[in-house]
Amino acid sequence: MTATAPARPAVPAAPGRRRSFARVFTRYTIGSVLAAVASEAVLLLTYGPGLLGPQAASVAAWAAGAALNYGLNRWWAWGRRGRADPLRELLPYWVIALTTMALSAWATGAADRQVDRLVEDEALGAALVGGVFLAVYGVMFVVKFVLFHYLVFADGGRPGRRPRAARRSRHQVPNTTRE
């Protein structure tokens, strides 16, 4: 019988090792660009040739970038390690991500209906729908960063909250300070 090690809870960066705002934003931007490239490629490869409709292609594109984006955001941009808190981190993150997916699916469907009436060239139509998909993600880029930084990945899930200092036992205090 093998024993498994208990999962460690997520640990925010120590106060002296807090990541600078610029560093977090830069890494968030790079991760978002990588996820957007993966998503846009899936959208164009599934919608362009007509394999999927605009909403289904948008959902498939979102799924292609969502897991990559979560991992890069959590681990690389915000430096979170260990097990994620389901209510404080996972639920808000995925609500925000699914809201973005729903908005992009709605917007690409609306764009597809307009493109069918306005543009005859299928390649141009696919490019326009792809542009709408990216525009939604561009707007949501800023909204998501603010929500992730001040809500989801903030220390303890609350802005401005610092991790509690570890309690020291009386045995760790030098003898000269004991009464």
C-alpha atoms as a PDB file:
ATOM      1  CA  MET A   1       0.000   0.000   0.000  1.00  0.00           C
ATOM      2  CA  THR A   2       1.445   3.365  -0.968  1.00  0.00           C
ATOM      3  CA  ALA A   3       0.732   6.562   0.859  1.00  0.00           C
ATOM      4  CA  THR A   4       0.208   9.758  -1.040  1.00  0.00           C
ATOM      5  CA  ALA A   5       1.500  13.063   0.179  1.00  0.00           C
ATOM      6  CA  PRO A   6      -1.221  15.507   1.222  1.00  0.00           C
ATOM      7  CA  ALA A   7      -1.880  18.303  -1.241  1.00  0.00           C
ATOM      8  CA  ARG A   8      -0.431  21.642  -0.210  1.00  0.00           C
ATOM      9  CA  PRO A   9      -2.784  24.635  -0.206  1.00  0.00           C
ATOM     10  CA  ALA A  10      -2.073  27.498  -2.579  1.00  0.00           C
ATOM     11  CA  VAL A  11       0.546  29.824  -1.177  1.00  0.00           C
ATOM     12  CA  PRO A  12       0.779  33.468  -2.209  1.00  0.00           C
ATOM     13  CA  ALA A  13       4.187  35.020  -2.632  1.00  0.00           C
ATOM     14  CA  ALA A  14       5.855  36.045   0.623  1.00  0.00           C
ATOM     15  CA  PRO A  15       5.661  39.788   1.392  1.00  0.00           C
ATOM     16  CA  GLY A  16       9.344  40.309   0.564  1.00  0.00           C
ATOM     17  CA  ARG A  17       8.964  38.365  -2.651  1.00  0.00           C
ATOM     18  CA  ARG A  18       5.778  39.963  -3.978  1.00  0.00           C
ATOM     19  CA  ARG A  19       5.747  40.212  -7.697  1.00  0.00           C
ATOM     20  CA  SER A  20       5.756  43.728  -9.074  1.00  0.00           C
ATOM     21  CA  PHE A  21       2.652  44.944 -10.821  1.00  0.00           C
ATOM     22  CA  ALA A  22       4.592  45.481 -14.068  1.00  0.00           C
ATOM     23  CA  ARG A  23       6.037  41.961 -13.964  1.00  0.00           C
ATOM     24  CA  VAL A  24       2.627  40.383 -13.317  1.00  0.00           C
ATOM     25  CA  PHE A  25       1.012  42.451 -16.078  1.00  0.00           C
ATOM     26  CA  THR A  26       3.791  41.609 -18.546  1.00  0.00           C
ATOM     27  CA  ARG A  27       3.518  37.890 -17.840  1.00  0.00           C
ATOM     28  CA  TYR A  28      -0.283  38.048 -17.969  1.00  0.00           C
ATOM     29  CA  THR A  29      -0.005  39.778 -21.354  1.00  0.00           C
ATOM     30  CA  ILE A  30       2.400  37.173 -22.742  1.00  0.00           C
ATOM     31  CA  GLY A  31       0.210  34.305 -21.473  1.00  0.00           C
ATOM     32  CA  SER A  32      -2.883  35.963 -22.923  1.00  0.00           C
ATOM     33  CA  VAL A  33      -1.210  36.446 -26.289  1.00  0.00           C
ATOM     34  CA  LEU A  34      -0.155  32.777 -26.395  1.00  0.00           C
ATOM     35  CA  ALA A  35      -3.677  31.659 -25.462  1.00  0.00           C
ATOM     36  CA  ALA A  36      -5.179  34.071 -28.012  1.00  0.00           C
ATOM     37  CA  VAL A  37      -2.953  32.709 -30.788  1.00  0.00           C
ATOM     38  CA  ALA A  38      -3.991  29.139 -29.942  1.00  0.00           C
ATOM     39  CA  SER A  39      -7.649  30.159 -29.747  1.00  0.00           C
ATOM     40  CA  GLU A  40      -7.623  32.174 -32.965  1.00  0.00           C
ATOM     41  CA  ALA A  41      -5.931  29.339 -34.855  1.00  0.00           C
ATOM     42  CA  VAL A  42      -8.614  26.884 -33.717  1.00  0.00           C
ATOM     43  CA  LEU A  43     -11.370  29.370 -34.597  1.00  0.00           C
ATOM     44  CA  LEU A  44     -10.057  29.969 -38.109  1.00  0.00           C
ATOM     45  CA  LEU A  45      -9.304  26.278 -38.721  1.00  0.00           C
ATOM     46  CA  THR A  46     -12.787  25.188 -37.647  1.00  0.00           C
ATOM     47  CA  TYR A  47     -14.949  28.101 -38.813  1.00  0.00           C
ATOM     48  CA  GLY A  48     -13.058  29.066 -41.999  1.00  0.00           C
ATOM     49  CA  PRO A  49     -13.515  25.743 -43.850  1.00  0.00           C
ATOM     50  CA  GLY A  50     -17.032  25.366 -42.449  1.00  0.00           C
ATOM     51  CA  LEU A  51     -16.287  22.487 -40.070  1.00  0.00           C
ATOM     52  CA  LEU A  52     -18.164  24.275 -37.276  1.00  0.00           C
ATOM     53  CA  GLY A  53     -20.633  27.114 -37.059  1.00  0.00           C
ATOM     54  CA  PRO A  54     -19.527  30.420 -35.529  1.00  0.00           C
ATOM     55  CA  GLN A  55     -20.670  29.693 -31.959  1.00  0.00           C
ATOM     56  CA  ALA A  56     -19.327  26.125 -31.886  1.00  0.00           C
ATOM     57  CA  ALA A  57     -16.022  27.289 -33.389  1.00  0.00           C
ATOM     58  CA  SER A  58     -15.852  30.049 -30.791  1.00  0.00           C
ATOM     59  CA  VAL A  59     -16.385  27.559 -27.952  1.00  0.00           C
ATOM     60  CA  ALA A  60     -13.761  25.199 -29.392  1.00  0.00           C
ATOM     61  CA  ALA A  61     -11.355  28.120 -29.732  1.00  0.00           C
ATOM     62  CA  TRP A  62     -12.011  29.201 -26.144  1.00  0.00           C
ATOM     63  CA  ALA A  63     -11.349  25.660 -24.898  1.00  0.00           C
ATOM     64  CA  ALA A  64      -8.044  25.558 -26.793  1.00  0.00           C
ATOM     65  CA  GLY A  65      -6.722  28.583 -24.927  1.00  0.00           C
ATOM     66  CA  ALA A  66      -8.513  28.322 -21.560  1.00  0.00           C
ATOM     67  CA  ALA A  67      -6.410  25.658 -19.848  1.00  0.00           C
ATOM     68  CA  LEU A  68      -3.161  27.135 -21.185  1.00  0.00           C
ATOM     69  CA  ASN A  69      -4.227  30.577 -20.011  1.00  0.00           C
ATOM     70  CA  TYR A  70      -5.189  29.366 -16.527  1.00  0.00           C
ATOM     71  CA  GLY A  71      -1.888  27.577 -16.027  1.00  0.00           C
ATOM     72  CA  LEU A  72       0.191  30.495 -17.245  1.00  0.00           C
ATOM     73  CA  ASN A  73      -1.794  33.021 -15.232  1.00  0.00           C
ATOM     74  CA  ARG A  74      -1.809  31.099 -11.984  1.00  0.00           C
ATOM     75  CA  TRP A  75       1.695  29.689 -12.022  1.00  0.00           C
ATOM     76  CA  TRP A  76       3.758  32.079 -14.099  1.00  0.00           C
ATOM     77  CA  ALA A  77       2.121  35.522 -13.821  1.00  0.00           C
ATOM     78  CA  TRP A  78       0.885  35.437 -10.221  1.00  0.00           C
ATOM     79  CA  GLY A  79       3.290  32.811  -8.865  1.00  0.00           C
ATOM     80  CA  ARG A  80       0.639  30.707  -7.165  1.00  0.00           C
ATOM     81  CA  ARG A  81       1.696  27.205  -6.164  1.00  0.00           C
ATOM     82  CA  GLY A  82      -0.052  24.269  -4.575  1.00  0.00           C
ATOM     83  CA  ARG A  83      -3.697  23.351  -4.599  1.00  0.00           C
ATOM     84  CA  ALA A  84      -6.137  26.081  -5.614  1.00  0.00           C
ATOM     85  CA  ASP A  85      -8.954  27.057  -3.252  1.00  0.00           C
ATOM     86  CA  PRO A  86     -12.172  26.011  -5.054  1.00  0.00           C
ATOM     87  CA  LEU A  87     -14.335  28.899  -3.837  1.00  0.00           C
ATOM     88  CA  ARG A  88     -11.800  31.697  -3.656  1.00  0.00           C
ATOM     89  CA  GLU A  89      -9.813  30.959  -6.814  1.00  0.00           C
ATOM     90  CA  LEU A  90     -11.257  28.294  -9.104  1.00  0.00           C
ATOM     91  CA  LEU A  91     -14.917  29.330  -9.092  1.00  0.00           C
ATOM     92  CA  PRO A  92     -14.329  33.043  -9.787  1.00  0.00           C
ATOM     93  CA  TYR A  93     -11.672  32.267 -12.411  1.00  0.00           C
ATOM     94  CA  TRP A  94     -13.889  29.917 -14.379  1.00  0.00           C
ATOM     95  CA  VAL A  95     -16.973  32.150 -14.037  1.00  0.00           C
ATOM     96  CA  ILE A  96     -14.937  34.968 -15.584  1.00  0.00           C
ATOM     97  CA  ALA A  97     -13.549  32.650 -18.281  1.00  0.00           C
ATOM     98  CA  LEU A  98     -16.973  31.189 -19.131  1.00  0.00           C
ATOM     99  CA  THR A  99     -18.487  34.674 -19.283  1.00  0.00           C
ATOM    100  CA  THR A 100     -15.790  35.623 -21.782  1.00  0.00           C
ATOM    101  CA  MET A 101     -16.567  32.482 -23.780  1.00  0.00           C
ATOM    102  CA  ALA A 102     -20.297  33.283 -23.824  1.00  0.00           C
ATOM    103  CA  LEU A 103     -19.630  36.847 -24.970  1.00  0.00           C
ATOM    104  CA  SER A 104     -17.319  35.678 -27.748  1.00  0.00           C
ATOM    105  CA  ALA A 105     -19.802  33.020 -28.902  1.00  0.00           C
ATOM    106  CA  TRP A 106     -22.604  35.595 -28.997  1.00  0.00           C
ATOM    107  CA  ALA A 107     -20.433  38.171 -30.801  1.00  0.00           C
ATOM    108  CA  THR A 108     -19.120  35.723 -33.426  1.00  0.00           C
ATOM    109  CA  GLY A 109     -22.665  34.508 -34.086  1.00  0.00           C
ATOM    110  CA  ALA A 110     -23.861  38.096 -34.557  1.00  0.00           C
ATOM    111  CA  ALA A 111     -20.863  38.866 -36.774  1.00  0.00           C
ATOM    112  CA  ASP A 112     -21.521  35.753 -38.859  1.00  0.00           C
ATOM    113  CA  ARG A 113     -25.111  36.878 -39.504  1.00  0.00           C
ATOM    114  CA  GLN A 114     -23.919  40.333 -40.607  1.00  0.00           C
ATOM    115  CA  VAL A 115     -21.037  38.986 -42.680  1.00  0.00           C
ATOM    116  CA  ASP A 116     -23.409  36.696 -44.602  1.00  0.00           C
ATOM    117  CA  ARG A 117     -25.406  39.759 -45.666  1.00  0.00           C
ATOM    118  CA  LEU A 118     -22.515  42.112 -46.360  1.00  0.00           C
ATOM    119  CA  VAL A 119     -19.598  40.059 -47.715  1.00  0.00           C
ATOM    120  CA  GLU A 120     -19.579  37.464 -50.480  1.00  0.00           C
ATOM    121  CA  ASP A 121     -15.968  36.325 -50.166  1.00  0.00           C
ATOM    122  CA  GLU A 122     -15.841  33.474 -47.619  1.00  0.00           C
ATOM    123  CA  ALA A 123     -12.202  34.094 -46.665  1.00  0.00           C
ATOM    124  CA  LEU A 124     -12.915  37.749 -45.935  1.00  0.00           C
ATOM    125  CA  GLY A 125     -16.020  36.741 -43.968  1.00  0.00           C
ATOM    126  CA  ALA A 126     -14.002  34.280 -41.873  1.00  0.00           C
ATOM    127  CA  ALA A 127     -11.352  36.947 -41.262  1.00  0.00           C
ATOM    128  CA  LEU A 128     -14.013  39.424 -40.108  1.00  0.00           C
ATOM    129  CA  VAL A 129     -15.582  36.898 -37.733  1.00  0.00           C
ATOM    130  CA  GLY A 130     -12.089  36.100 -36.453  1.00  0.00           C
ATOM    131  CA  GLY A 131     -11.527  39.815 -35.927  1.00  0.00           C
ATOM    132  CA  VAL A 132     -14.705  40.079 -33.857  1.00  0.00           C
ATOM    133  CA  PHE A 133     -13.563  37.098 -31.783  1.00  0.00           C
ATOM    134  CA  LEU A 134     -10.234  38.836 -31.083  1.00  0.00           C
ATOM    135  CA  ALA A 135     -11.975  42.152 -30.347  1.00  0.00           C
ATOM    136  CA  VAL A 136     -14.039  40.535 -27.590  1.00  0.00           C
ATOM    137  CA  TYR A 137     -10.886  39.072 -26.098  1.00  0.00           C
ATOM    138  CA  GLY A 138      -9.145  42.438 -26.429  1.00  0.00           C
ATOM    139  CA  VAL A 139     -11.840  44.193 -24.413  1.00  0.00           C
ATOM    140  CA  MET A 140     -12.018  41.373 -21.889  1.00  0.00           C
ATOM    141  CA  PHE A 141      -8.207  41.360 -21.571  1.00  0.00           C
ATOM    142  CA  VAL A 142      -8.274  44.455 -19.353  1.00  0.00           C
ATOM    143  CA  VAL A 143     -11.413  43.447 -17.446  1.00  0.00           C
ATOM    144  CA  LYS A 144     -10.006  39.991 -16.727  1.00  0.00           C
ATOM    145  CA  PHE A 145      -6.651  41.356 -15.575  1.00  0.00           C
ATOM    146  CA  VAL A 146      -8.302  43.641 -13.034  1.00  0.00           C
ATOM    147  CA  LEU A 147     -10.542  40.838 -11.755  1.00  0.00           C
ATOM    148  CA  PHE A 148      -7.709  38.307 -11.620  1.00  0.00           C
ATOM    149  CA  HIS A 149      -5.259  40.690  -9.961  1.00  0.00           C
ATOM    150  CA  TYR A 150      -7.576  42.138  -7.326  1.00  0.00           C
ATOM    151  CA  LEU A 151      -9.973  39.249  -6.764  1.00  0.00           C
ATOM    152  CA  VAL A 152      -8.889  35.816  -7.960  1.00  0.00           C
ATOM    153  CA  PHE A 153      -5.124  35.772  -7.397  1.00  0.00           C
ATOM    154  CA  ALA A 154      -4.886  38.481  -4.735  1.00  0.00           C
ATOM    155  CA  ASP A 155      -3.347  37.376  -1.456  1.00  0.00           C
ATOM    156  CA  GLY A 156      -6.047  35.432   0.283  1.00  0.00           C
ATOM    157  CA  GLY A 157      -8.489  36.380  -2.454  1.00  0.00           C
ATOM    158  CA  ARG A 158      -8.925  39.921  -1.050  1.00  0.00           C
ATOM    159  CA  PRO A 159      -7.133  43.055  -2.228  1.00  0.00           C
ATOM    160  CA  GLY A 160      -4.574  44.380   0.203  1.00  0.00           C
ATOM    161  CA  ARG A 161      -4.681  41.352   2.491  1.00  0.00           C
ATOM    162  CA  ARG A 162      -1.306  40.122   3.600  1.00  0.00           C
ATOM    163  CA  PRO A 163      -0.635  36.548   4.621  1.00  0.00           C
ATOM    164  CA  ARG A 164      -0.648  36.038   8.372  1.00  0.00           C
ATOM    165  CA  ALA A 165       2.765  35.849   9.948  1.00  0.00           C
ATOM    166  CA  ALA A 166       3.669  32.420  11.230  1.00  0.00           C
ATOM    167  CA  ARG A 167       3.213  32.105  14.976  1.00  0.00           C
ATOM    168  CA  ARG A 168       6.346  31.423  16.928  1.00  0.00           C
ATOM    169  CA  SER A 169       6.325  29.113  19.872  1.00  0.00           C
ATOM    170  CA  ARG A 170       7.973  30.120  23.133  1.00  0.00           C
ATOM    171  CA  HIS A 171      10.741  27.612  22.334  1.00  0.00           C
ATOM    172  CA  GLN A 172      11.769  29.642  19.296  1.00  0.00           C
ATOM    173  CA  VAL A 173      12.194  32.824  21.314  1.00  0.00           C
ATOM    174  CA  PRO A 174      15.661  33.381  22.780  1.00  0.00           C
ATOM    175  CA  ASN A 175      15.962  32.797  26.535  1.00  0.00           C
ATOM    176  CA  THR A 176      16.852  36.425  27.167  1.00  0.00           C
ATOM    177  CA  THR A 177      13.364  37.541  26.234  1.00  0.00           C
ATOM    178  CA  ARG A 178      11.467  35.036  28.396  1.00  0.00           C
ATOM    179  CA  GLU A 179      10.211  36.087  31.803  1.00  0.00           C
END
